[in-house]
Amino acid sequence: MDYEGIARSYLSSLEKGDLQGILSLFTENAIIESPLYGIRDAGEFFCILLEDTHSSVLKLNGVFPEGEKGRIALLFDYHWTLTNGNTVKFRVVDILEFNTSYKIEKLTIIYDTAGIRNLFKARK
């Protein structure tokens, strides 16, 4: 599978809440940088994210490969329903960095948290 195929599999697994599917795409020591959750290892990050999530709907708007560097950016709309019923919508850029074995070793998540931070804090 190529970078774009892996990136699309990542979004599909994320939308389904498929933890094993997501983690199978990442290296064992993968790092996630998130505006709301901070810097965490992939296993911890996705466990917490899925714990906080009732459902997700993602609409892909663009794929921007940087193949020679083993990096790809995804632009998508994220409609996120938290476990407490609050729903937030925002546009996201995910930058996925791959190792030479086509596994994601770093994910940088970029979005504006101003409109969602209070709903996020009240999630539990």
Protein backbone atom coordinates (compact mmCIF):
# COMPACT_ATOMS: atom_id res chain seq x y z
CA MET A 1 0.00 0.00 0.00
CA ASP A 2 1.27 3.51 -0.77
CA TYR A 3 1.22 6.58 1.49
CA GLU A 4 -2.12 7.80 0.18
CA GLY A 5 -3.75 4.39 0.65
CA ILE A 6 -2.46 4.23 4.22
CA ALA A 7 -3.69 7.78 4.88
CA ARG A 8 -7.14 6.91 3.59
CA SER A 9 -7.18 3.73 5.70
CA TYR A 10 -6.27 5.84 8.72
CA LEU A 11 -9.23 8.18 8.16
CA SER A 12 -11.60 5.28 7.55
CA SER A 13 -10.48 3.50 10.74
CA LEU A 14 -10.70 6.76 12.70
CA GLU A 15 -14.25 7.39 11.51
CA LYS A 16 -15.27 3.82 12.46
CA GLY A 17 -13.58 4.05 15.86
CA ASP A 18 -11.49 0.97 14.97
CA LEU A 19 -8.61 1.15 17.45
CA GLN A 20 -6.80 -1.93 16.16
CA GLY A 21 -7.18 -0.77 12.57
CA ILE A 22 -5.71 2.62 13.46
CA LEU A 23 -2.82 1.27 15.51
CA SER A 24 -1.89 -1.27 12.82
CA LEU A 25 -0.89 1.69 10.61
CA PHE A 26 1.52 3.17 13.18
CA THR A 27 4.97 2.18 14.39
CA GLU A 28 5.29 0.86 17.92
CA ASN A 29 6.87 4.15 19.09
CA ALA A 30 4.72 6.55 17.06
CA ILE A 31 4.10 10.02 18.48
CA ILE A 32 0.95 12.13 18.13
CA GLU A 33 0.92 15.92 18.55
CA SER A 34 -2.61 17.17 19.19
CA PRO A 35 -3.87 20.68 20.06
CA LEU A 36 -6.26 19.30 22.71
CA TYR A 37 -4.48 16.19 23.98
CA GLY A 38 -0.86 17.33 23.78
CA ILE A 39 2.03 15.05 22.82
CA ARG A 40 1.36 11.36 23.45
CA ASP A 41 2.31 7.98 22.10
CA ALA A 42 -0.14 6.67 19.52
CA GLY A 43 -1.64 3.92 21.67
CA GLU A 44 -2.40 6.27 24.55
CA PHE A 45 -3.69 9.05 22.29
CA PHE A 46 -6.12 6.92 20.31
CA CYS A 47 -7.41 5.08 23.41
CA ILE A 48 -8.24 8.42 25.05
CA LEU A 49 -9.67 9.93 21.86
CA LEU A 50 -11.96 6.96 21.25
CA GLU A 51 -12.98 6.94 24.92
CA ASP A 52 -14.10 10.58 24.48
CA THR A 53 -15.90 9.89 21.19
CA HIS A 54 -19.47 8.81 20.65
CA SER A 55 -19.18 9.10 16.87
CA SER A 56 -17.17 10.79 14.14
CA VAL A 57 -17.97 11.76 10.59
CA LEU A 58 -15.03 12.79 8.42
CA LYS A 59 -15.20 14.42 5.01
CA LEU A 60 -11.91 14.37 3.12
CA ASN A 61 -11.23 17.61 1.25
CA GLY A 62 -7.71 17.00 -0.02
CA VAL A 63 -4.63 14.79 0.03
CA PHE A 64 -1.25 16.47 -0.31
CA PRO A 65 1.61 13.99 -0.75
CA GLU A 66 5.23 14.84 -0.22
CA GLY A 67 6.35 11.37 -1.25
CA GLU A 68 10.08 11.96 -1.51
CA LYS A 69 10.05 12.97 2.17
CA GLY A 70 7.73 10.18 3.33
CA ARG A 71 5.10 12.66 4.40
CA ILE A 72 1.49 13.34 3.46
CA ALA A 73 -1.04 15.94 4.62
CA LEU A 74 -4.78 15.38 4.82
CA LEU A 75 -7.34 18.17 4.87
CA PHE A 76 -10.73 17.11 6.21
CA ASP A 77 -13.83 18.26 8.03
CA TYR A 78 -14.36 16.55 11.37
CA HIS A 79 -17.87 16.26 12.81
CA TRP A 80 -17.17 14.93 16.30
CA THR A 81 -19.82 13.86 18.78
CA LEU A 82 -18.39 13.52 22.26
CA THR A 83 -19.60 10.90 24.72
CA ASN A 84 -21.54 13.58 26.62
CA GLY A 85 -23.55 14.38 23.48
CA ASN A 86 -21.85 17.66 22.58
CA THR A 87 -21.12 17.97 18.88
CA VAL A 88 -18.34 20.01 17.35
CA LYS A 89 -17.38 20.60 13.73
CA PHE A 90 -14.02 21.85 12.56
CA ARG A 91 -11.53 21.64 9.71
CA VAL A 92 -8.36 19.65 10.35
CA VAL A 93 -4.98 19.17 8.75
CA ASP A 94 -3.24 15.94 9.70
CA ILE A 95 0.40 15.55 8.71
CA LEU A 96 1.50 11.92 8.64
CA GLU A 97 5.20 11.07 8.57
CA PHE A 98 6.20 7.57 7.51
CA ASN A 99 9.19 5.35 8.08
CA THR A 100 10.75 3.32 5.26
CA SER A 101 8.40 0.39 6.03
CA TYR A 102 5.32 2.51 5.27
CA LYS A 103 4.28 2.81 8.91
CA ILE A 104 3.26 6.14 10.41
CA GLU A 105 5.86 7.26 12.96
CA LYS A 106 4.51 10.73 13.67
CA LEU A 107 1.13 12.43 13.32
CA THR A 108 0.80 16.18 13.74
CA ILE A 109 -2.79 17.38 14.06
CA ILE A 110 -3.54 21.03 13.28
CA TYR A 111 -6.82 22.86 13.90
CA ASP A 112 -8.20 25.91 15.68
CA THR A 113 -9.44 24.96 19.15
CA ALA A 114 -11.01 28.31 20.05
CA GLY A 115 -14.56 27.23 19.22
CA ILE A 116 -14.36 23.81 20.84
CA ARG A 117 -12.11 24.03 23.88
CA ASN A 118 -14.96 24.70 26.37
CA LEU A 119 -17.08 21.84 24.98
CA PHE A 120 -14.03 19.61 25.15
CA LYS A 121 -13.37 20.52 28.79
CA ALA A 122 -16.99 19.67 29.66
CA ARG A 123 -16.80 16.27 27.92
CA LYS A 124 -16.97 14.19 31.12
